[in-house]
Amino acid sequence: MPPEAPKAAPAPKDNRWKLVEAAMRRHGYKSHALIETLHTAQEAYGFLEEPVLRAVAQGLRVPLSKVYGVATFYNFFSLKPQGEHTCVVCTGTACYIKGAGDIMEAIEKKFGIEGGETTPDGKISLLTARCFGSCGLAPAAVFDSEVAGKLTVETTLSRLEKWST
């Protein structure tokens, strides 16, 4: 008989939460399912809000600090709602040396946002990552899940301007 789900924390009991519960149930509510459960929650909700993090912690019987630590460590997870489009700029050594800092500065100036923020109109979220493992493409960024390399300030801004209209 599979383990019974613990009493749920105050998380939404809608179809989205049912998907998260199903992910935990598939793994017997074991702590090793934390990352997969957070992925499911992120896909279902669009971001990881505090009540969901608390419910996952309780459901998997892990400390909230561990859930929060995993959610903030991995670049894929977001604790805030994301924009309609996402630009993730690699700031690893190779990319930085080849101009990622200039690209970030230009985006910040042009759109009035910093890494981790979303434009006021909700169109673009700007994120950073330490390394994509695509050093040969430096400087690189991911535009809505599509990796682009050998970027310049101009090509990056041009691409983002298409999203902001």
N, C-alpha and C. Protein backbone atom coordinates (compact mmCIF):
# COMPACT_ATOMS: atom_id res chain seq x y z
N MET A 1 0.85 -1.18 0.00
CA MET A 1 0.00 0.00 0.00
C MET A 1 0.89 1.24 0.00
N PRO A 2 0.68 2.20 -0.93
CA PRO A 2 1.54 3.40 -0.98
C PRO A 2 1.34 4.26 0.25
N PRO A 3 2.38 5.03 0.59
CA PRO A 3 2.23 5.90 1.76
C PRO A 3 1.12 6.91 1.53
N GLU A 4 0.49 7.29 2.59
CA GLU A 4 -0.60 8.25 2.51
C GLU A 4 -0.04 9.66 2.49
N ALA A 5 -0.70 10.53 1.76
CA ALA A 5 -0.27 11.92 1.68
C ALA A 5 -0.44 12.58 3.04
N PRO A 6 0.53 13.37 3.44
CA PRO A 6 0.36 14.12 4.68
C PRO A 6 -0.72 15.17 4.51
N LYS A 7 -1.20 15.68 5.62
CA LYS A 7 -2.19 16.74 5.56
C LYS A 7 -1.60 17.91 4.78
N ALA A 8 -2.31 18.38 3.80
CA ALA A 8 -1.80 19.42 2.91
C ALA A 8 -1.74 20.78 3.60
N ALA A 9 -0.71 21.52 3.26
CA ALA A 9 -0.58 22.91 3.71
C ALA A 9 -1.60 23.74 2.94
N PRO A 10 -1.77 24.98 3.30
CA PRO A 10 -2.77 25.81 2.60
C PRO A 10 -2.35 26.14 1.17
N ALA A 11 -2.44 25.15 0.31
CA ALA A 11 -2.14 25.37 -1.11
C ALA A 11 -3.43 25.27 -1.90
N PRO A 12 -3.47 25.90 -3.04
CA PRO A 12 -4.69 25.87 -3.83
C PRO A 12 -5.08 24.43 -4.19
N LYS A 13 -6.34 24.12 -4.02
CA LYS A 13 -6.83 22.77 -4.34
C LYS A 13 -7.54 22.79 -5.69
N ASP A 14 -6.86 23.24 -6.69
CA ASP A 14 -7.42 23.27 -8.03
C ASP A 14 -6.69 22.24 -8.88
N ASN A 15 -6.98 22.23 -10.16
CA ASN A 15 -6.37 21.24 -11.05
C ASN A 15 -4.85 21.37 -11.11
N ARG A 16 -4.33 22.59 -10.96
CA ARG A 16 -2.88 22.77 -10.97
C ARG A 16 -2.26 22.06 -9.78
N TRP A 17 -2.86 22.23 -8.62
CA TRP A 17 -2.31 21.58 -7.43
C TRP A 17 -2.42 20.06 -7.53
N LYS A 18 -3.46 19.57 -8.19
CA LYS A 18 -3.60 18.12 -8.38
C LYS A 18 -2.43 17.56 -9.17
N LEU A 19 -1.91 18.32 -10.12
CA LEU A 19 -0.73 17.88 -10.88
C LEU A 19 0.49 17.76 -9.97
N VAL A 20 0.65 18.72 -9.07
CA VAL A 20 1.78 18.70 -8.13
C VAL A 20 1.65 17.52 -7.18
N GLU A 21 0.46 17.31 -6.66
CA GLU A 21 0.23 16.17 -5.77
C GLU A 21 0.51 14.85 -6.48
N ALA A 22 0.13 14.76 -7.74
CA ALA A 22 0.38 13.53 -8.52
C ALA A 22 1.87 13.28 -8.66
N ALA A 23 2.65 14.32 -8.86
CA ALA A 23 4.11 14.15 -8.96
C ALA A 23 4.68 13.62 -7.65
N MET A 24 4.20 14.15 -6.53
CA MET A 24 4.68 13.67 -5.23
C MET A 24 4.23 12.23 -4.98
N ARG A 25 3.00 11.93 -5.33
CA ARG A 25 2.45 10.59 -5.12
C ARG A 25 3.22 9.55 -5.94
N ARG A 26 3.58 9.89 -7.21
CA ARG A 26 4.34 8.96 -8.06
C ARG A 26 5.63 8.50 -7.40
N HIS A 27 6.18 9.34 -6.57
CA HIS A 27 7.46 9.03 -5.91
C HIS A 27 7.29 8.69 -4.43
N GLY A 28 6.07 8.36 -4.06
CA GLY A 28 5.82 7.93 -2.69
C GLY A 28 6.07 9.00 -1.65
N TYR A 29 5.91 10.25 -2.04
CA TYR A 29 6.10 11.38 -1.12
C TYR A 29 7.51 11.36 -0.50
N LYS A 30 8.49 10.93 -1.28
CA LYS A 30 9.88 10.86 -0.82
C LYS A 30 10.61 12.15 -1.17
N SER A 31 11.58 12.51 -0.36
CA SER A 31 12.30 13.77 -0.55
C SER A 31 13.08 13.81 -1.87
N HIS A 32 13.45 12.66 -2.42
CA HIS A 32 14.21 12.66 -3.67
C HIS A 32 13.39 13.18 -4.85
N ALA A 33 12.09 13.36 -4.65
CA ALA A 33 11.23 13.88 -5.72
C ALA A 33 11.13 15.40 -5.70
N LEU A 34 11.95 16.06 -4.90
CA LEU A 34 11.82 17.51 -4.73
C LEU A 34 11.97 18.27 -6.05
N ILE A 35 13.03 18.02 -6.79
CA ILE A 35 13.24 18.80 -8.02
C ILE A 35 12.14 18.53 -9.03
N GLU A 36 11.77 17.27 -9.21
CA GLU A 36 10.70 16.96 -10.16
C GLU A 36 9.39 17.61 -9.73
N THR A 37 9.11 17.59 -8.44
CA THR A 37 7.89 18.20 -7.93
C THR A 37 7.90 19.71 -8.16
N LEU A 38 9.05 20.34 -7.93
CA LEU A 38 9.14 21.78 -8.18
C LEU A 38 8.99 22.11 -9.66
N HIS A 39 9.54 21.25 -10.53
CA HIS A 39 9.35 21.45 -11.97
C HIS A 39 7.87 21.39 -12.32
N THR A 40 7.18 20.41 -11.76
CA THR A 40 5.75 20.27 -12.02
C THR A 40 5.00 21.50 -11.53
N ALA A 41 5.34 21.97 -10.33
CA ALA A 41 4.69 23.15 -9.76
C ALA A 41 4.95 24.39 -10.62
N GLN A 42 6.20 24.53 -11.07
CA GLN A 42 6.56 25.68 -11.91
C GLN A 42 5.76 25.65 -13.22
N GLU A 43 5.65 24.47 -13.82
CA GLU A 43 4.89 24.36 -15.06
C GLU A 43 3.41 24.65 -14.82
N ALA A 44 2.89 24.19 -13.70
CA ALA A 44 1.47 24.36 -13.42
C ALA A 44 1.11 25.81 -13.07
N TYR A 45 1.95 26.46 -12.27
CA TYR A 45 1.64 27.79 -11.77
C TYR A 45 2.35 28.92 -12.50
N GLY A 46 3.41 28.60 -13.22
CA GLY A 46 4.18 29.63 -13.91
C GLY A 46 5.33 30.17 -13.07
N PHE A 47 5.21 30.04 -11.76
CA PHE A 47 6.28 30.42 -10.83
C PHE A 47 5.97 29.74 -9.50
N LEU A 48 6.92 29.79 -8.58
CA LEU A 48 6.78 29.09 -7.30
C LEU A 48 6.46 30.09 -6.19
N GLU A 49 5.19 30.22 -5.89
CA GLU A 49 4.81 31.14 -4.82
C GLU A 49 4.91 30.43 -3.47
N GLU A 50 4.98 31.22 -2.41
CA GLU A 50 5.23 30.68 -1.08
C GLU A 50 4.26 29.59 -0.63
N PRO A 51 2.94 29.74 -0.81
CA PRO A 51 2.06 28.66 -0.36
C PRO A 51 2.35 27.32 -1.04
N VAL A 52 2.75 27.37 -2.30
CA VAL A 52 3.08 26.14 -3.02
C VAL A 52 4.37 25.55 -2.47
N LEU A 53 5.38 26.39 -2.20
CA LEU A 53 6.63 25.91 -1.62
C LEU A 53 6.38 25.25 -0.26
N ARG A 54 5.53 25.86 0.53
CA ARG A 54 5.19 25.31 1.86
C ARG A 54 4.49 23.95 1.72
N ALA A 55 3.56 23.88 0.80
CA ALA A 55 2.82 22.63 0.60
C ALA A 55 3.73 21.52 0.09
N VAL A 56 4.66 21.85 -0.80
CA VAL A 56 5.62 20.86 -1.29
C VAL A 56 6.50 20.39 -0.14
N ALA A 57 6.97 21.32 0.68
CA ALA A 57 7.80 20.95 1.83
C ALA A 57 7.05 19.99 2.75
N GLN A 58 5.81 20.31 3.02
CA GLN A 58 5.03 19.45 3.91
C GLN A 58 4.73 18.11 3.24
N GLY A 59 4.38 18.15 1.96
CA GLY A 59 4.05 16.93 1.24
C GLY A 59 5.21 15.95 1.14
N LEU A 60 6.41 16.47 0.96
CA LEU A 60 7.59 15.61 0.83
C LEU A 60 8.33 15.43 2.15
N ARG A 61 7.81 16.08 3.18
CA ARG A 61 8.40 15.99 4.52
C ARG A 61 9.86 16.43 4.52
N VAL A 62 10.10 17.59 3.92
CA VAL A 62 11.43 18.20 3.94
C VAL A 62 11.29 19.61 4.50
N PRO A 63 12.36 20.12 5.10
CA PRO A 63 12.28 21.48 5.64
C PRO A 63 12.01 22.51 4.54
N LEU A 64 11.23 23.52 4.88
CA LEU A 64 10.96 24.60 3.93
C LEU A 64 12.26 25.23 3.46
N SER A 65 13.25 25.31 4.33
CA SER A 65 14.54 25.90 3.95
C SER A 65 15.19 25.12 2.82
N LYS A 66 15.04 23.81 2.81
CA LYS A 66 15.62 23.00 1.73
C LYS A 66 14.87 23.24 0.42
N VAL A 67 13.54 23.30 0.50
CA VAL A 67 12.73 23.55 -0.70
C VAL A 67 13.08 24.93 -1.26
N TYR A 68 13.15 25.92 -0.39
CA TYR A 68 13.50 27.27 -0.82
C TYR A 68 14.92 27.30 -1.39
N GLY A 69 15.84 26.59 -0.75
CA GLY A 69 17.22 26.53 -1.24
C GLY A 69 17.31 25.97 -2.64
N VAL A 70 16.60 24.89 -2.91
CA VAL A 70 16.59 24.29 -4.24
C VAL A 70 15.93 25.23 -5.25
N ALA A 71 14.82 25.83 -4.84
CA ALA A 71 14.09 26.73 -5.75
C ALA A 71 14.90 27.97 -6.11
N THR A 72 15.77 28.41 -5.22
CA THR A 72 16.57 29.61 -5.51
C THR A 72 17.93 29.26 -6.12
N PHE A 73 18.38 28.03 -5.97
CA PHE A 73 19.67 27.63 -6.52
C PHE A 73 19.61 27.41 -8.03
N TYR A 74 18.59 26.71 -8.48
CA TYR A 74 18.50 26.37 -9.90
C TYR A 74 17.87 27.51 -10.69
N ASN A 75 18.50 27.85 -11.79
CA ASN A 75 18.08 28.96 -12.63
C ASN A 75 16.68 28.76 -13.22
N PHE A 76 16.27 27.53 -13.43
CA PHE A 76 14.98 27.27 -14.05
C PHE A 76 13.82 27.77 -13.19
N PHE A 77 13.98 27.73 -11.88
CA PHE A 77 12.88 28.08 -10.99
C PHE A 77 12.79 29.58 -10.77
N SER A 78 11.56 30.06 -10.63
CA SER A 78 11.33 31.47 -10.38
C SER A 78 10.33 31.62 -9.24
N LEU A 79 10.61 32.56 -8.35
CA LEU A 79 9.71 32.83 -7.24
C LEU A 79 8.75 33.97 -7.54
N LYS A 80 8.90 34.56 -8.73
CA LYS A 80 8.04 35.66 -9.14
C LYS A 80 7.43 35.33 -10.50
N PRO A 81 6.28 35.91 -10.80
CA PRO A 81 5.69 35.69 -12.13
C PRO A 81 6.65 36.17 -13.22
N GLN A 82 6.74 35.40 -14.29
CA GLN A 82 7.61 35.74 -15.39
C GLN A 82 6.84 36.49 -16.46
N GLY A 83 7.59 37.20 -17.29
CA GLY A 83 6.98 37.93 -18.39
C GLY A 83 6.53 36.99 -19.49
N GLU A 84 5.89 37.56 -20.47
CA GLU A 84 5.43 36.80 -21.63
C GLU A 84 6.61 36.14 -22.34
N HIS A 85 7.75 36.83 -22.36
CA HIS A 85 8.97 36.32 -22.97
C HIS A 85 10.10 36.37 -21.95
N THR A 86 11.05 35.46 -22.12
CA THR A 86 12.18 35.39 -21.18
C THR A 86 13.50 35.43 -21.93
N CYS A 87 14.40 36.26 -21.44
CA CYS A 87 15.76 36.34 -21.97
C CYS A 87 16.71 36.01 -20.82
N VAL A 88 17.48 34.95 -20.99
CA VAL A 88 18.45 34.54 -19.98
C VAL A 88 19.84 34.76 -20.58
N VAL A 89 20.60 35.68 -20.00
CA VAL A 89 21.93 35.99 -20.49
C VAL A 89 22.96 35.21 -19.68
N CYS A 90 23.84 34.51 -20.38
CA CYS A 90 24.91 33.78 -19.71
C CYS A 90 25.95 34.78 -19.23
N THR A 91 26.30 34.69 -17.96
CA THR A 91 27.32 35.59 -17.40
C THR A 91 28.55 34.82 -16.94
N GLY A 92 28.71 33.61 -17.49
CA GLY A 92 29.90 32.82 -17.19
C GLY A 92 31.14 33.52 -17.73
N THR A 93 32.29 33.03 -17.35
CA THR A 93 33.56 33.68 -17.69
C THR A 93 33.72 33.95 -19.18
N ALA A 94 33.54 32.93 -20.02
CA ALA A 94 33.74 33.11 -21.46
C ALA A 94 32.78 34.15 -22.03
N CYS A 95 31.52 34.06 -21.63
CA CYS A 95 30.52 35.00 -22.13
C CYS A 95 30.79 36.42 -21.62
N TYR A 96 31.19 36.51 -20.37
CA TYR A 96 31.44 37.82 -19.81
C TYR A 96 32.62 38.50 -20.51
N ILE A 97 33.68 37.74 -20.72
CA ILE A 97 34.87 38.27 -21.40
C ILE A 97 34.52 38.74 -22.81
N LYS A 98 33.59 38.04 -23.47
CA LYS A 98 33.24 38.37 -24.84
C LYS A 98 32.09 39.38 -24.96
N GLY A 99 31.63 39.94 -23.82
CA GLY A 99 30.68 41.04 -23.92
C GLY A 99 29.34 40.88 -23.22
N ALA A 100 29.13 39.83 -22.45
CA ALA A 100 27.84 39.65 -21.78
C ALA A 100 27.54 40.80 -20.82
N GLY A 101 28.56 41.35 -20.19
CA GLY A 101 28.35 42.49 -19.29
C GLY A 101 27.81 43.69 -20.02
N ASP A 102 28.35 43.94 -21.21
CA ASP A 102 27.86 45.06 -22.03
C ASP A 102 26.42 44.81 -22.49
N ILE A 103 26.12 43.56 -22.82
CA ILE A 103 24.76 43.20 -23.24
C ILE A 103 23.78 43.43 -22.09
N MET A 104 24.14 42.97 -20.89
CA MET A 104 23.27 43.17 -19.73
C MET A 104 23.05 44.65 -19.46
N GLU A 105 24.13 45.40 -19.51
CA GLU A 105 24.04 46.85 -19.25
C GLU A 105 23.12 47.52 -20.26
N ALA A 106 23.24 47.14 -21.53
CA ALA A 106 22.40 47.74 -22.58
C ALA A 106 20.93 47.38 -22.38
N ILE A 107 20.66 46.13 -22.03
CA ILE A 107 19.27 45.71 -21.79
C ILE A 107 18.70 46.46 -20.60
N GLU A 108 19.48 46.54 -19.53
CA GLU A 108 19.03 47.24 -18.33
C GLU A 108 18.69 48.69 -18.63
N LYS A 109 19.55 49.34 -19.42
CA LYS A 109 19.34 50.74 -19.75
C LYS A 109 18.13 50.92 -20.68
N LYS A 110 18.05 50.09 -21.70
CA LYS A 110 16.97 50.21 -22.70
C LYS A 110 15.59 49.91 -22.12
N PHE A 111 15.49 48.86 -21.28
CA PHE A 111 14.18 48.42 -20.80
C PHE A 111 13.90 48.78 -19.34
N GLY A 112 14.89 49.37 -18.66
CA GLY A 112 14.70 49.81 -17.29
C GLY A 112 14.51 48.69 -16.28
N ILE A 113 15.11 47.54 -16.57
CA ILE A 113 15.02 46.41 -15.64
C ILE A 113 16.41 45.84 -15.41
N GLU A 114 16.57 45.15 -14.30
CA GLU A 114 17.83 44.47 -13.99
C GLU A 114 17.58 42.98 -14.03
N GLY A 115 18.66 42.21 -13.96
CA GLY A 115 18.54 40.77 -13.92
C GLY A 115 17.58 40.34 -12.82
N GLY A 116 16.67 39.43 -13.17
CA GLY A 116 15.69 38.95 -12.21
C GLY A 116 14.40 39.75 -12.21
N GLU A 117 14.31 40.76 -13.07
CA GLU A 117 13.11 41.60 -13.11
C GLU A 117 12.36 41.43 -14.42
N THR A 118 11.13 41.92 -14.41
CA THR A 118 10.25 41.87 -15.58
C THR A 118 9.84 43.30 -15.91
N THR A 119 9.73 43.58 -17.20
CA THR A 119 9.31 44.92 -17.62
C THR A 119 7.93 45.22 -17.04
N PRO A 120 7.65 46.50 -16.79
CA PRO A 120 6.35 46.86 -16.20
C PRO A 120 5.15 46.37 -17.01
N ASP A 121 5.31 46.26 -18.33
CA ASP A 121 4.20 45.79 -19.17
C ASP A 121 4.06 44.27 -19.17
N GLY A 122 4.98 43.58 -18.47
CA GLY A 122 4.91 42.12 -18.37
C GLY A 122 5.36 41.38 -19.62
N LYS A 123 5.99 42.09 -20.54
CA LYS A 123 6.39 41.45 -21.80
C LYS A 123 7.69 40.65 -21.69
N ILE A 124 8.70 41.21 -20.98
CA ILE A 124 10.04 40.60 -20.98
C ILE A 124 10.56 40.42 -19.56
N SER A 125 11.03 39.20 -19.27
CA SER A 125 11.75 38.94 -18.03
C SER A 125 13.22 38.77 -18.40
N LEU A 126 14.09 39.43 -17.64
CA LEU A 126 15.53 39.34 -17.86
C LEU A 126 16.14 38.53 -16.72
N LEU A 127 16.80 37.45 -17.09
CA LEU A 127 17.45 36.58 -16.11
C LEU A 127 18.91 36.39 -16.48
N THR A 128 19.69 35.90 -15.54
CA THR A 128 21.08 35.56 -15.82
C THR A 128 21.33 34.13 -15.38
N ALA A 129 22.34 33.53 -15.98
CA ALA A 129 22.78 32.19 -15.59
C ALA A 129 24.29 32.20 -15.54
N ARG A 130 24.84 31.39 -14.67
CA ARG A 130 26.30 31.36 -14.51
C ARG A 130 26.99 30.73 -15.71
N CYS A 131 26.40 29.74 -16.33
CA CYS A 131 27.01 29.12 -17.51
C CYS A 131 26.00 28.22 -18.20
N PHE A 132 25.97 28.28 -19.52
CA PHE A 132 25.12 27.39 -20.31
C PHE A 132 25.88 26.17 -20.79
N GLY A 133 27.21 26.22 -20.69
CA GLY A 133 28.02 25.15 -21.26
C GLY A 133 28.15 25.31 -22.76
N SER A 134 27.95 26.51 -23.25
CA SER A 134 28.05 26.80 -24.68
C SER A 134 29.11 27.86 -24.91
N CYS A 135 30.26 27.66 -24.31
CA CYS A 135 31.31 28.68 -24.33
C CYS A 135 31.78 29.02 -25.74
N GLY A 136 31.68 28.08 -26.64
CA GLY A 136 32.07 28.34 -28.02
C GLY A 136 31.14 29.32 -28.71
N LEU A 137 29.98 29.57 -28.13
CA LEU A 137 29.01 30.51 -28.70
C LEU A 137 29.06 31.87 -28.02
N ALA A 138 29.98 32.05 -27.12
CA ALA A 138 30.04 33.27 -26.29
C ALA A 138 30.09 34.53 -27.13
N PRO A 139 29.37 35.57 -26.66
CA PRO A 139 28.40 35.57 -25.57
C PRO A 139 27.08 34.96 -26.02
N ALA A 140 26.43 34.26 -25.10
CA ALA A 140 25.21 33.54 -25.43
C ALA A 140 24.06 33.96 -24.52
N ALA A 141 22.85 33.73 -25.03
CA ALA A 141 21.63 33.97 -24.27
C ALA A 141 20.59 32.97 -24.73
N VAL A 142 19.58 32.79 -23.91
CA VAL A 142 18.46 31.94 -24.27
C VAL A 142 17.23 32.84 -24.37
N PHE A 143 16.64 32.86 -25.55
CA PHE A 143 15.44 33.64 -25.81
C PHE A 143 14.27 32.67 -25.91
N ASP A 144 13.40 32.67 -24.91
CA ASP A 144 12.25 31.75 -24.90
C ASP A 144 12.66 30.32 -25.26
N SER A 145 13.63 29.78 -24.57
CA SER A 145 14.11 28.40 -24.72
C SER A 145 14.97 28.16 -25.95
N GLU A 146 15.28 29.19 -26.72
CA GLU A 146 16.13 29.04 -27.90
C GLU A 146 17.49 29.66 -27.62
N VAL A 147 18.55 28.85 -27.68
CA VAL A 147 19.90 29.34 -27.42
C VAL A 147 20.39 30.11 -28.64
N ALA A 148 20.96 31.29 -28.39
CA ALA A 148 21.54 32.11 -29.45
C ALA A 148 22.94 32.49 -29.01
N GLY A 149 23.87 32.44 -29.95
CA GLY A 149 25.25 32.74 -29.61
C GLY A 149 25.87 33.78 -30.50
N LYS A 150 27.11 34.13 -30.13
CA LYS A 150 27.87 35.16 -30.86
C LYS A 150 27.08 36.47 -30.90
N LEU A 151 26.44 36.78 -29.78
CA LEU A 151 25.57 37.95 -29.72
C LEU A 151 26.36 39.25 -29.62
N THR A 152 25.73 40.31 -30.06
CA THR A 152 26.24 41.66 -29.87
C THR A 152 25.15 42.43 -29.13
N VAL A 153 25.50 43.59 -28.65
CA VAL A 153 24.49 44.44 -28.01
C VAL A 153 23.36 44.71 -29.00
N GLU A 154 23.71 45.03 -30.23
CA GLU A 154 22.72 45.39 -31.24
C GLU A 154 21.78 44.23 -31.57
N THR A 155 22.34 43.03 -31.79
CA THR A 155 21.47 41.90 -32.15
C THR A 155 20.57 41.51 -30.98
N THR A 156 21.08 41.63 -29.78
CA THR A 156 20.27 41.29 -28.60
C THR A 156 19.14 42.28 -28.43
N LEU A 157 19.44 43.57 -28.48
CA LEU A 157 18.40 44.59 -28.33
C LEU A 157 17.36 44.49 -29.44
N SER A 158 17.80 44.21 -30.65
CA SER A 158 16.88 44.08 -31.78
C SER A 158 15.89 42.95 -31.52
N ARG A 159 16.39 41.86 -31.02
CA ARG A 159 15.53 40.71 -30.74
C ARG A 159 14.52 41.04 -29.63
N LEU A 160 14.99 41.70 -28.59
CA LEU A 160 14.11 42.04 -27.48
C LEU A 160 13.09 43.11 -27.87
N GLU A 161 13.47 44.04 -28.73
CA GLU A 161 12.55 45.09 -29.16
C GLU A 161 11.35 44.49 -29.90
N LYS A 162 11.55 43.38 -30.61
CA LYS A 162 10.43 42.72 -31.29
C LYS A 162 9.40 42.23 -30.28
N TRP A 163 9.86 41.83 -29.11
CA TRP A 163 8.95 41.34 -28.07
C TRP A 163 8.22 42.47 -27.37
N SER A 164 8.81 43.64 -27.36
CA SER A 164 8.22 44.73 -26.57
C SER A 164 7.18 45.54 -27.33
N THR A 165 6.92 45.16 -28.56
CA THR A 165 5.92 45.92 -29.35
C THR A 165 4.57 45.25 -29.31
